[in-house]
Structures are given as structure tokens and as C-alpha cells.
Amino acid sequence: MARGLNVGDEVAIDATVLRRVTDDRISLSIPTYGFPHSIRDSTTKVAKGQTIELIGSVTRIEKDAVTVTLGGPIVTVSPDVVRLVAAYKPPTRKTPLIDKPT
């Protein structure tokens, strides 16, 4: 199991740019993920071989895999390639759930 990671944590994955597909899309290679990934990127001028940081939230943790939601797509990668950005903090309640006695 991945140490220090919990469901809901915000994590980062460093992906390598493979090529520019169109003027506003680039193809990426995510480590330990067997498929190319495409994202919309019309603002920057990235070149082949540069790295881009993808940030998403953890949805599932297994012994040798971590599933991360990157906005829309869901990616399952090795726990070695993810980096913790922010730990999940559950919302706090200001008033108790119990009704006051009348």
C-alpha cells in the first residue's frame, strides 16, 4: 500500500510531452501508465521532451496501484510516480447534528 496517501488526497504526476497533436492539444506519456494521454494546452509553447505536472485527486489505493482522477480521465499508476500535494481534510461542522431538547 502507498505510504502517506489516502483517498481524497491531492497528488501530482510528472508527465513527459510526446508531441503537439493540434494547435490546442498535446500528447503526454505518463510513467507506468501504458497508454498515451492527451490534454488541452493552448496557452503554452511546450516542446517534445518537456515535463508537465498533472494534478488530481486519489480515488482508489491498492497494494501496487493508485487510481487518480485528472479532471476527466481516470489514470491508474504505480505509487512511486505520484507526489502528495495536499492531504484531504474532511469538512468540519460548526453546529452539532443533535437537536436541542425542547
PDB file of N, CA and C in Angstrom:
ATOM      1  N   MET A   1       0.842  -1.181   0.000  1.00  0.00           N
ATOM      2  CA  MET A   1       0.000   0.000   0.000  1.00  0.00           C
ATOM      3  C   MET A   1       0.882   1.238   0.000  1.00  0.00           C
ATOM      4  N   ALA A   2       0.439   2.278  -0.654  1.00  0.00           N
ATOM      5  CA  ALA A   2       1.194   3.525  -0.743  1.00  0.00           C
ATOM      6  C   ALA A   2       1.225   4.205   0.616  1.00  0.00           C
ATOM      7  N   ARG A   3       2.404   4.492   1.076  1.00  0.00           N
ATOM      8  CA  ARG A   3       2.540   5.127   2.383  1.00  0.00           C
ATOM      9  C   ARG A   3       2.256   6.619   2.282  1.00  0.00           C
ATOM     10  N   GLY A   4       1.486   7.121   3.219  1.00  0.00           N
ATOM     11  CA  GLY A   4       1.206   8.548   3.270  1.00  0.00           C
ATOM     12  C   GLY A   4       0.100   9.012   2.351  1.00  0.00           C
ATOM     13  N   LEU A   5      -0.486   8.128   1.579  1.00  0.00           N
ATOM     14  CA  LEU A   5      -1.567   8.519   0.679  1.00  0.00           C
ATOM     15  C   LEU A   5      -2.884   7.958   1.184  1.00  0.00           C
ATOM     16  N   ASN A   6      -3.922   8.764   1.068  1.00  0.00           N
ATOM     17  CA  ASN A   6      -5.270   8.347   1.423  1.00  0.00           C
ATOM     18  C   ASN A   6      -6.217   8.766   0.311  1.00  0.00           C
ATOM     19  N   VAL A   7      -7.397   8.181   0.291  1.00  0.00           N
ATOM     20  CA  VAL A   7      -8.400   8.552  -0.699  1.00  0.00           C
ATOM     21  C   VAL A   7      -8.815  10.004  -0.458  1.00  0.00           C
ATOM     22  N   GLY A   8      -8.849  10.798  -1.517  1.00  0.00           N
ATOM     23  CA  GLY A   8      -9.207  12.205  -1.424  1.00  0.00           C
ATOM     24  C   GLY A   8      -8.014  13.132  -1.438  1.00  0.00           C
ATOM     25  N   ASP A   9      -6.796  12.609  -1.241  1.00  0.00           N
ATOM     26  CA  ASP A   9      -5.603  13.448  -1.265  1.00  0.00           C
ATOM     27  C   ASP A   9      -5.366  13.997  -2.664  1.00  0.00           C
ATOM     28  N   GLU A  10      -4.797  15.187  -2.724  1.00  0.00           N
ATOM     29  CA  GLU A  10      -4.434  15.793  -3.994  1.00  0.00           C
ATOM     30  C   GLU A  10      -2.988  15.427  -4.290  1.00  0.00           C
ATOM     31  N   VAL A  11      -2.750  14.822  -5.467  1.00  0.00           N
ATOM     32  CA  VAL A  11      -1.412  14.363  -5.824  1.00  0.00           C
ATOM     33  C   VAL A  11      -1.012  14.933  -7.184  1.00  0.00           C
ATOM     34  N   ALA A  12       0.300  14.889  -7.458  1.00  0.00           N
ATOM     35  CA  ALA A  12       0.835  15.358  -8.729  1.00  0.00           C
ATOM     36  C   ALA A  12       1.564  14.222  -9.415  1.00  0.00           C
ATOM     37  N   ILE A  13       1.465  14.184 -10.745  1.00  0.00           N
ATOM     38  CA  ILE A  13       2.175  13.214 -11.579  1.00  0.00           C
ATOM     39  C   ILE A  13       2.935  14.008 -12.638  1.00  0.00           C
ATOM     40  N   ASP A  14       4.225  13.722 -12.806  1.00  0.00           N
ATOM     41  CA  ASP A  14       5.029  14.379 -13.830  1.00  0.00           C
ATOM     42  C   ASP A  14       4.942  13.579 -15.124  1.00  0.00           C
ATOM     43  N   ALA A  15       4.411  14.191 -16.180  1.00  0.00           N
ATOM     44  CA  ALA A  15       4.247  13.549 -17.478  1.00  0.00           C
ATOM     45  C   ALA A  15       5.180  14.209 -18.488  1.00  0.00           C
ATOM     46  N   THR A  16       5.612  13.439 -19.474  1.00  0.00           N
ATOM     47  CA  THR A  16       6.520  13.920 -20.500  1.00  0.00           C
ATOM     48  C   THR A  16       5.743  14.195 -21.779  1.00  0.00           C
ATOM     49  N   VAL A  17       6.026  15.321 -22.433  1.00  0.00           N
ATOM     50  CA  VAL A  17       5.350  15.695 -23.675  1.00  0.00           C
ATOM     51  C   VAL A  17       5.893  14.837 -24.809  1.00  0.00           C
ATOM     52  N   LEU A  18       4.991  14.160 -25.523  1.00  0.00           N
ATOM     53  CA  LEU A  18       5.385  13.360 -26.681  1.00  0.00           C
ATOM     54  C   LEU A  18       5.387  14.202 -27.952  1.00  0.00           C
ATOM     55  N   ARG A  19       4.292  14.926 -28.191  1.00  0.00           N
ATOM     56  CA  ARG A  19       4.202  15.774 -29.380  1.00  0.00           C
ATOM     57  C   ARG A  19       2.975  16.668 -29.269  1.00  0.00           C
ATOM     58  N   ARG A  20       2.907  17.668 -30.119  1.00  0.00           N
ATOM     59  CA  ARG A  20       1.733  18.522 -30.214  1.00  0.00           C
ATOM     60  C   ARG A  20       0.827  17.931 -31.285  1.00  0.00           C
ATOM     61  N   VAL A  21      -0.386  17.572 -30.884  1.00  0.00           N
ATOM     62  CA  VAL A  21      -1.326  16.933 -31.797  1.00  0.00           C
ATOM     63  C   VAL A  21      -1.978  17.982 -32.696  1.00  0.00           C
ATOM     64  N   THR A  22      -2.566  19.008 -32.108  1.00  0.00           N
ATOM     65  CA  THR A  22      -3.140  20.135 -32.850  1.00  0.00           C
ATOM     66  C   THR A  22      -2.636  21.416 -32.189  1.00  0.00           C
ATOM     67  N   ASP A  23      -3.193  22.555 -32.605  1.00  0.00           N
ATOM     68  CA  ASP A  23      -2.759  23.823 -32.019  1.00  0.00           C
ATOM     69  C   ASP A  23      -3.095  23.935 -30.540  1.00  0.00           C
ATOM     70  N   ASP A  24      -4.133  23.230 -30.098  1.00  0.00           N
ATOM     71  CA  ASP A  24      -4.533  23.355 -28.701  1.00  0.00           C
ATOM     72  C   ASP A  24      -4.479  22.045 -27.911  1.00  0.00           C
ATOM     73  N   ARG A  25      -3.922  20.965 -28.474  1.00  0.00           N
ATOM     74  CA  ARG A  25      -3.813  19.688 -27.752  1.00  0.00           C
ATOM     75  C   ARG A  25      -2.389  19.147 -27.845  1.00  0.00           C
ATOM     76  N   ILE A  26      -1.929  18.526 -26.722  1.00  0.00           N
ATOM     77  CA  ILE A  26      -0.625  17.873 -26.713  1.00  0.00           C
ATOM     78  C   ILE A  26      -0.787  16.444 -26.212  1.00  0.00           C
ATOM     79  N   SER A  27       0.083  15.564 -26.682  1.00  0.00           N
ATOM     80  CA  SER A  27       0.073  14.170 -26.271  1.00  0.00           C
ATOM     81  C   SER A  27       1.140  13.978 -25.202  1.00  0.00           C
ATOM     82  N   LEU A  28       0.783  13.264 -24.125  1.00  0.00           N
ATOM     83  CA  LEU A  28       1.681  13.071 -22.992  1.00  0.00           C
ATOM     84  C   LEU A  28       1.935  11.600 -22.748  1.00  0.00           C
ATOM     85  N   SER A  29       3.074  11.318 -22.121  1.00  0.00           N
ATOM     86  CA  SER A  29       3.395   9.975 -21.659  1.00  0.00           C
ATOM     87  C   SER A  29       3.453  10.016 -20.139  1.00  0.00           C
ATOM     88  N   ILE A  30       2.584   9.244 -19.487  1.00  0.00           N
ATOM     89  CA  ILE A  30       2.535   9.182 -18.026  1.00  0.00           C
ATOM     90  C   ILE A  30       3.299   7.941 -17.591  1.00  0.00           C
ATOM     91  N   PRO A  31       4.268   8.083 -16.670  1.00  0.00           N
ATOM     92  CA  PRO A  31       5.047   6.906 -16.239  1.00  0.00           C
ATOM     93  C   PRO A  31       4.148   5.820 -15.643  1.00  0.00           C
ATOM     94  N   THR A  32       4.448   4.576 -15.941  1.00  0.00           N
ATOM     95  CA  THR A  32       3.766   3.349 -15.507  1.00  0.00           C
ATOM     96  C   THR A  32       2.314   3.267 -15.972  1.00  0.00           C
ATOM     97  N   TYR A  33       1.882   4.152 -16.846  1.00  0.00           N
ATOM     98  CA  TYR A  33       0.545   4.091 -17.443  1.00  0.00           C
ATOM     99  C   TYR A  33       0.768   3.714 -18.895  1.00  0.00           C
ATOM    100  N   GLY A  34       0.217   2.639 -19.357  1.00  0.00           N
ATOM    101  CA  GLY A  34       0.565   2.063 -20.646  1.00  0.00           C
ATOM    102  C   GLY A  34       0.023   2.748 -21.880  1.00  0.00           C
ATOM    103  N   PHE A  35      -0.674   3.869 -21.740  1.00  0.00           N
ATOM    104  CA  PHE A  35      -1.305   4.492 -22.887  1.00  0.00           C
ATOM    105  C   PHE A  35      -0.906   5.965 -22.977  1.00  0.00           C
ATOM    106  N   PRO A  36      -0.875   6.540 -24.188  1.00  0.00           N
ATOM    107  CA  PRO A  36      -0.649   7.986 -24.284  1.00  0.00           C
ATOM    108  C   PRO A  36      -1.878   8.741 -23.784  1.00  0.00           C
ATOM    109  N   HIS A  37      -1.664   9.935 -23.339  1.00  0.00           N
ATOM    110  CA  HIS A  37      -2.735  10.748 -22.767  1.00  0.00           C
ATOM    111  C   HIS A  37      -2.697  12.105 -23.452  1.00  0.00           C
ATOM    112  N   SER A  38      -3.831  12.673 -23.784  1.00  0.00           N
ATOM    113  CA  SER A  38      -3.901  13.954 -24.474  1.00  0.00           C
ATOM    114  C   SER A  38      -4.615  14.968 -23.593  1.00  0.00           C
ATOM    115  N   ILE A  39      -4.056  16.180 -23.520  1.00  0.00           N
ATOM    116  CA  ILE A  39      -4.700  17.249 -22.761  1.00  0.00           C
ATOM    117  C   ILE A  39      -4.790  18.494 -23.627  1.00  0.00           C
ATOM    118  N   ARG A  40      -5.670  19.385 -23.242  1.00  0.00           N
ATOM    119  CA  ARG A  40      -5.824  20.662 -23.930  1.00  0.00           C
ATOM    120  C   ARG A  40      -4.821  21.639 -23.344  1.00  0.00           C
ATOM    121  N   ASP A  41      -4.003  22.239 -24.205  1.00  0.00           N
ATOM    122  CA  ASP A  41      -2.979  23.177 -23.762  1.00  0.00           C
ATOM    123  C   ASP A  41      -2.716  24.168 -24.882  1.00  0.00           C
ATOM    124  N   SER A  42      -3.479  25.250 -24.921  1.00  0.00           N
ATOM    125  CA  SER A  42      -3.320  26.235 -25.982  1.00  0.00           C
ATOM    126  C   SER A  42      -2.522  27.454 -25.545  1.00  0.00           C
ATOM    127  N   THR A  43      -2.221  27.567 -24.262  1.00  0.00           N
ATOM    128  CA  THR A  43      -1.571  28.775 -23.766  1.00  0.00           C
ATOM    129  C   THR A  43      -0.051  28.705 -23.806  1.00  0.00           C
ATOM    130  N   THR A  44       0.531  27.523 -23.623  1.00  0.00           N
ATOM    131  CA  THR A  44       1.983  27.431 -23.556  1.00  0.00           C
ATOM    132  C   THR A  44       2.555  26.860 -24.838  1.00  0.00           C
ATOM    133  N   LYS A  45       3.811  27.090 -25.028  1.00  0.00           N
ATOM    134  CA  LYS A  45       4.536  26.541 -26.173  1.00  0.00           C
ATOM    135  C   LYS A  45       5.508  25.498 -25.656  1.00  0.00           C
ATOM    136  N   VAL A  46       5.008  24.301 -25.409  1.00  0.00           N
ATOM    137  CA  VAL A  46       5.850  23.229 -24.909  1.00  0.00           C
ATOM    138  C   VAL A  46       6.480  22.493 -26.074  1.00  0.00           C
ATOM    139  N   ALA A  47       7.632  21.900 -25.821  1.00  0.00           N
ATOM    140  CA  ALA A  47       8.337  21.149 -26.843  1.00  0.00           C
ATOM    141  C   ALA A  47       8.412  19.686 -26.440  1.00  0.00           C
ATOM    142  N   LYS A  48       8.770  18.863 -27.382  1.00  0.00           N
ATOM    143  CA  LYS A  48       8.901  17.428 -27.140  1.00  0.00           C
ATOM    144  C   LYS A  48       9.969  17.186 -26.069  1.00  0.00           C
ATOM    145  N   GLY A  49       9.634  16.346 -25.088  1.00  0.00           N
ATOM    146  CA  GLY A  49      10.586  16.004 -24.042  1.00  0.00           C
ATOM    147  C   GLY A  49      10.432  16.800 -22.752  1.00  0.00           C
ATOM    148  N   GLN A  50       9.687  17.901 -22.767  1.00  0.00           N
ATOM    149  CA  GLN A  50       9.470  18.674 -21.550  1.00  0.00           C
ATOM    150  C   GLN A  50       8.514  17.930 -20.629  1.00  0.00           C
ATOM    151  N   THR A  51       8.574  18.257 -19.338  1.00  0.00           N
ATOM    152  CA  THR A  51       7.675  17.620 -18.386  1.00  0.00           C
ATOM    153  C   THR A  51       6.576  18.592 -17.968  1.00  0.00           C
ATOM    154  N   ILE A  52       5.404  18.030 -17.725  1.00  0.00           N
ATOM    155  CA  ILE A  52       4.248  18.793 -17.267  1.00  0.00           C
ATOM    156  C   ILE A  52       3.722  18.110 -16.015  1.00  0.00           C
ATOM    157  N   GLU A  53       3.345  18.903 -15.035  1.00  0.00           N
ATOM    158  CA  GLU A  53       2.806  18.372 -13.790  1.00  0.00           C
ATOM    159  C   GLU A  53       1.284  18.301 -13.899  1.00  0.00           C
ATOM    160  N   LEU A  54       0.732  17.088 -13.739  1.00  0.00           N
ATOM    161  CA  LEU A  54      -0.705  16.884 -13.748  1.00  0.00           C
ATOM    162  C   LEU A  54      -1.167  16.682 -12.312  1.00  0.00           C
ATOM    163  N   ILE A  55      -2.176  17.432 -11.897  1.00  0.00           N
ATOM    164  CA  ILE A  55      -2.657  17.363 -10.518  1.00  0.00           C
ATOM    165  C   ILE A  55      -4.069  16.799 -10.511  1.00  0.00           C
ATOM    166  N   GLY A  56      -4.305  15.848  -9.598  1.00  0.00           N
ATOM    167  CA  GLY A  56      -5.613  15.230  -9.476  1.00  0.00           C
ATOM    168  C   GLY A  56      -5.812  14.680  -8.085  1.00  0.00           C
ATOM    169  N   SER A  57      -6.957  14.053  -7.856  1.00  0.00           N
ATOM    170  CA  SER A  57      -7.243  13.515  -6.532  1.00  0.00           C
ATOM    171  C   SER A  57      -7.267  11.988  -6.578  1.00  0.00           C
ATOM    172  N   VAL A  58      -6.839  11.367  -5.482  1.00  0.00           N
ATOM    173  CA  VAL A  58      -6.783   9.916  -5.371  1.00  0.00           C
ATOM    174  C   VAL A  58      -8.192   9.384  -5.142  1.00  0.00           C
ATOM    175  N   THR A  59      -8.585   8.377  -5.949  1.00  0.00           N
ATOM    176  CA  THR A  59      -9.906   7.781  -5.787  1.00  0.00           C
ATOM    177  C   THR A  59      -9.838   6.350  -5.275  1.00  0.00           C
ATOM    178  N   ARG A  60      -8.693   5.684  -5.462  1.00  0.00           N
ATOM    179  CA  ARG A  60      -8.554   4.301  -5.014  1.00  0.00           C
ATOM    180  C   ARG A  60      -7.087   3.974  -4.772  1.00  0.00           C
ATOM    181  N   ILE A  61      -6.831   3.188  -3.724  1.00  0.00           N
ATOM    182  CA  ILE A  61      -5.468   2.778  -3.401  1.00  0.00           C
ATOM    183  C   ILE A  61      -5.442   1.264  -3.244  1.00  0.00           C
ATOM    184  N   GLU A  62      -4.509   0.614  -3.940  1.00  0.00           N
ATOM    185  CA  GLU A  62      -4.291  -0.821  -3.818  1.00  0.00           C
ATOM    186  C   GLU A  62      -2.830  -1.046  -3.430  1.00  0.00           C
ATOM    187  N   LYS A  63      -2.400  -2.318  -3.349  1.00  0.00           N
ATOM    188  CA  LYS A  63      -1.024  -2.613  -2.965  1.00  0.00           C
ATOM    189  C   LYS A  63      -0.014  -2.001  -3.923  1.00  0.00           C
ATOM    190  N   ASP A  64      -0.236  -2.212  -5.215  1.00  0.00           N
ATOM    191  CA  ASP A  64       0.748  -1.784  -6.207  1.00  0.00           C
ATOM    192  C   ASP A  64       0.198  -0.778  -7.210  1.00  0.00           C
ATOM    193  N   ALA A  65      -0.908  -0.130  -6.911  1.00  0.00           N
ATOM    194  CA  ALA A  65      -1.511   0.819  -7.845  1.00  0.00           C
ATOM    195  C   ALA A  65      -2.297   1.900  -7.104  1.00  0.00           C
ATOM    196  N   VAL A  66      -2.261   3.088  -7.683  1.00  0.00           N
ATOM    197  CA  VAL A  66      -3.025   4.226  -7.172  1.00  0.00           C
ATOM    198  C   VAL A  66      -3.847   4.766  -8.334  1.00  0.00           C
ATOM    199  N   THR A  67      -5.141   4.934  -8.134  1.00  0.00           N
ATOM    200  CA  THR A  67      -6.014   5.474  -9.165  1.00  0.00           C
ATOM    201  C   THR A  67      -6.238   6.954  -8.880  1.00  0.00           C
ATOM    202  N   VAL A  68      -5.956   7.776  -9.900  1.00  0.00           N
ATOM    203  CA  VAL A  68      -6.024   9.231  -9.769  1.00  0.00           C
ATOM    204  C   VAL A  68      -6.985   9.776 -10.816  1.00  0.00           C
ATOM    205  N   THR A  69      -7.849  10.692 -10.419  1.00  0.00           N
ATOM    206  CA  THR A  69      -8.737  11.384 -11.345  1.00  0.00           C
ATOM    207  C   THR A  69      -8.081  12.704 -11.733  1.00  0.00           C
ATOM    208  N   LEU A  70      -7.781  12.852 -13.005  1.00  0.00           N
ATOM    209  CA  LEU A  70      -7.125  14.061 -13.517  1.00  0.00           C
ATOM    210  C   LEU A  70      -8.143  14.946 -14.229  1.00  0.00           C
ATOM    211  N   GLY A  71      -9.096  15.464 -13.520  1.00  0.00           N
ATOM    212  CA  GLY A  71     -10.129  16.279 -14.135  1.00  0.00           C
ATOM    213  C   GLY A  71     -11.209  15.407 -14.739  1.00  0.00           C
ATOM    214  N   GLY A  72     -10.966  14.825 -15.888  1.00  0.00           N
ATOM    215  CA  GLY A  72     -11.923  13.948 -16.535  1.00  0.00           C
ATOM    216  C   GLY A  72     -11.459  12.508 -16.560  1.00  0.00           C
ATOM    217  N   PRO A  73     -10.281  12.244 -17.137  1.00  0.00           N
ATOM    218  CA  PRO A  73      -9.846  10.853 -17.226  1.00  0.00           C
ATOM    219  C   PRO A  73      -9.369  10.286 -15.893  1.00  0.00           C
ATOM    220  N   ILE A  74      -9.478   8.971 -15.776  1.00  0.00           N
ATOM    221  CA  ILE A  74      -9.011   8.268 -14.585  1.00  0.00           C
ATOM    222  C   ILE A  74      -7.780   7.466 -14.980  1.00  0.00           C
ATOM    223  N   VAL A  75      -6.694   7.625 -14.216  1.00  0.00           N
ATOM    224  CA  VAL A  75      -5.418   7.007 -14.529  1.00  0.00           C
ATOM    225  C   VAL A  75      -4.992   6.140 -13.354  1.00  0.00           C
ATOM    226  N   THR A  76      -4.568   4.908 -13.621  1.00  0.00           N
ATOM    227  CA  THR A  76      -4.051   4.027 -12.587  1.00  0.00           C
ATOM    228  C   THR A  76      -2.552   3.865 -12.796  1.00  0.00           C
ATOM    229  N   VAL A  77      -1.767   4.308 -11.812  1.00  0.00           N
ATOM    230  CA  VAL A  77      -0.311   4.297 -11.921  1.00  0.00           C
ATOM    231  C   VAL A  77       0.297   3.669 -10.673  1.00  0.00           C
ATOM    232  N   SER A  78       1.600   3.494 -10.719  1.00  0.00           N
ATOM    233  CA  SER A  78       2.345   2.978  -9.577  1.00  0.00           C
ATOM    234  C   SER A  78       2.421   4.051  -8.491  1.00  0.00           C
ATOM    235  N   PRO A  79       2.431   3.670  -7.229  1.00  0.00           N
ATOM    236  CA  PRO A  79       2.512   4.682  -6.158  1.00  0.00           C
ATOM    237  C   PRO A  79       3.849   5.421  -6.129  1.00  0.00           C
ATOM    238  N   ASP A  80       4.858   4.904  -6.828  1.00  0.00           N
ATOM    239  CA  ASP A  80       6.160   5.558  -6.849  1.00  0.00           C
ATOM    240  C   ASP A  80       6.169   6.843  -7.674  1.00  0.00           C
ATOM    241  N   VAL A  81       5.265   6.993  -8.629  1.00  0.00           N
ATOM    242  CA  VAL A  81       5.283   8.154  -9.512  1.00  0.00           C
ATOM    243  C   VAL A  81       4.398   9.297  -9.035  1.00  0.00           C
ATOM    244  N   VAL A  82       3.587   9.079  -8.009  1.00  0.00           N
ATOM    245  CA  VAL A  82       2.733  10.158  -7.504  1.00  0.00           C
ATOM    246  C   VAL A  82       3.418  10.876  -6.352  1.00  0.00           C
ATOM    247  N   ARG A  83       3.154  12.159  -6.252  1.00  0.00           N
ATOM    248  CA  ARG A  83       3.717  13.006  -5.199  1.00  0.00           C
ATOM    249  C   ARG A  83       2.575  13.731  -4.497  1.00  0.00           C
ATOM    250  N   LEU A  84       2.551  13.692  -3.187  1.00  0.00           N
ATOM    251  CA  LEU A  84       1.480  14.312  -2.404  1.00  0.00           C
ATOM    252  C   LEU A  84       1.595  15.831  -2.488  1.00  0.00           C
ATOM    253  N   VAL A  85       0.502  16.483  -2.868  1.00  0.00           N
ATOM    254  CA  VAL A  85       0.453  17.951  -2.932  1.00  0.00           C
ATOM    255  C   VAL A  85      -0.268  18.488  -1.703  1.00  0.00           C
ATOM    256  N   ALA A  86      -1.451  17.962  -1.427  1.00  0.00           N
ATOM    257  CA  ALA A  86      -2.234  18.398  -0.270  1.00  0.00           C
ATOM    258  C   ALA A  86      -3.040  17.218   0.259  1.00  0.00           C
ATOM    259  N   ALA A  87      -2.979  17.020   1.565  1.00  0.00           N
ATOM    260  CA  ALA A  87      -3.736  15.941   2.189  1.00  0.00           C
ATOM    261  C   ALA A  87      -5.205  16.346   2.293  1.00  0.00           C
ATOM    262  N   TYR A  88      -6.084  15.350   2.219  1.00  0.00           N
ATOM    263  CA  TYR A  88      -7.520  15.599   2.322  1.00  0.00           C
ATOM    264  C   TYR A  88      -7.883  15.917   3.763  1.00  0.00           C
ATOM    265  N   LYS A  89      -8.634  16.982   3.945  1.00  0.00           N
ATOM    266  CA  LYS A  89      -9.131  17.355   5.265  1.00  0.00           C
ATOM    267  C   LYS A  89     -10.651  17.371   5.176  1.00  0.00           C
ATOM    268  N   PRO A  90     -11.330  16.512   5.933  1.00  0.00           N
ATOM    269  CA  PRO A  90     -12.784  16.481   5.852  1.00  0.00           C
ATOM    270  C   PRO A  90     -13.395  17.787   6.365  1.00  0.00           C
ATOM    271  N   PRO A  91     -14.558  18.163   5.866  1.00  0.00           N
ATOM    272  CA  PRO A  91     -15.195  19.390   6.333  1.00  0.00           C
ATOM    273  C   PRO A  91     -15.588  19.286   7.809  1.00  0.00           C
ATOM    274  N   THR A  92     -15.490  20.397   8.484  1.00  0.00           N
ATOM    275  CA  THR A  92     -15.874  20.423   9.902  1.00  0.00           C
ATOM    276  C   THR A  92     -17.264  21.026  10.038  1.00  0.00           C
ATOM    277  N   ARG A  93     -17.985  20.571  11.036  1.00  0.00           N
ATOM    278  CA  ARG A  93     -19.336  21.039  11.268  1.00  0.00           C
ATOM    279  C   ARG A  93     -19.314  22.008  12.441  1.00  0.00           C
ATOM    280  N   LYS A  94     -19.945  23.153  12.267  1.00  0.00           N
ATOM    281  CA  LYS A  94     -19.952  24.168  13.322  1.00  0.00           C
ATOM    282  C   LYS A  94     -21.058  23.921  14.343  1.00  0.00           C
ATOM    283  N   THR A  95     -22.160  23.361  13.897  1.00  0.00           N
ATOM    284  CA  THR A  95     -23.259  23.072  14.822  1.00  0.00           C
ATOM    285  C   THR A  95     -23.428  21.567  14.923  1.00  0.00           C
ATOM    286  N   PRO A  96     -23.794  21.053  16.063  1.00  0.00           N
ATOM    287  CA  PRO A  96     -23.959  19.602  16.190  1.00  0.00           C
ATOM    288  C   PRO A  96     -25.184  19.112  15.438  1.00  0.00           C
ATOM    289  N   LEU A  97     -25.169  17.837  15.093  1.00  0.00           N
ATOM    290  CA  LEU A  97     -26.290  17.228  14.384  1.00  0.00           C
ATOM    291  C   LEU A  97     -27.487  16.983  15.301  1.00  0.00           C
ATOM    292  N   ILE A  98     -27.260  16.958  16.578  1.00  0.00           N
ATOM    293  CA  ILE A  98     -28.316  16.650  17.537  1.00  0.00           C
ATOM    294  C   ILE A  98     -29.188  17.892  17.760  1.00  0.00           C
ATOM    295  N   ASP A  99     -30.498  17.694  17.769  1.00  0.00           N
ATOM    296  CA  ASP A  99     -31.412  18.797  18.053  1.00  0.00           C
ATOM    297  C   ASP A  99     -31.364  19.138  19.539  1.00  0.00           C
ATOM    298  N   LYS A 100     -31.596  20.389  19.826  1.00  0.00           N
ATOM    299  CA  LYS A 100     -31.642  20.814  21.231  1.00  0.00           C
ATOM    300  C   LYS A 100     -32.933  20.288  21.865  1.00  0.00           C
ATOM    301  N   PRO A 101     -32.863  19.874  23.121  1.00  0.00           N
ATOM    302  CA  PRO A 101     -34.079  19.379  23.774  1.00  0.00           C
ATOM    303  C   PRO A 101     -35.085  20.511  23.981  1.00  0.00           C
ATOM    304  N   THR A 102     -36.339  20.190  23.811  1.00  0.00           N
ATOM    305  CA  THR A 102     -37.381  21.231  23.962  1.00  0.00           C
ATOM    306  C   THR A 102     -38.185  21.034  25.234  1.00  0.00           C
TER     307      THR A 102
END
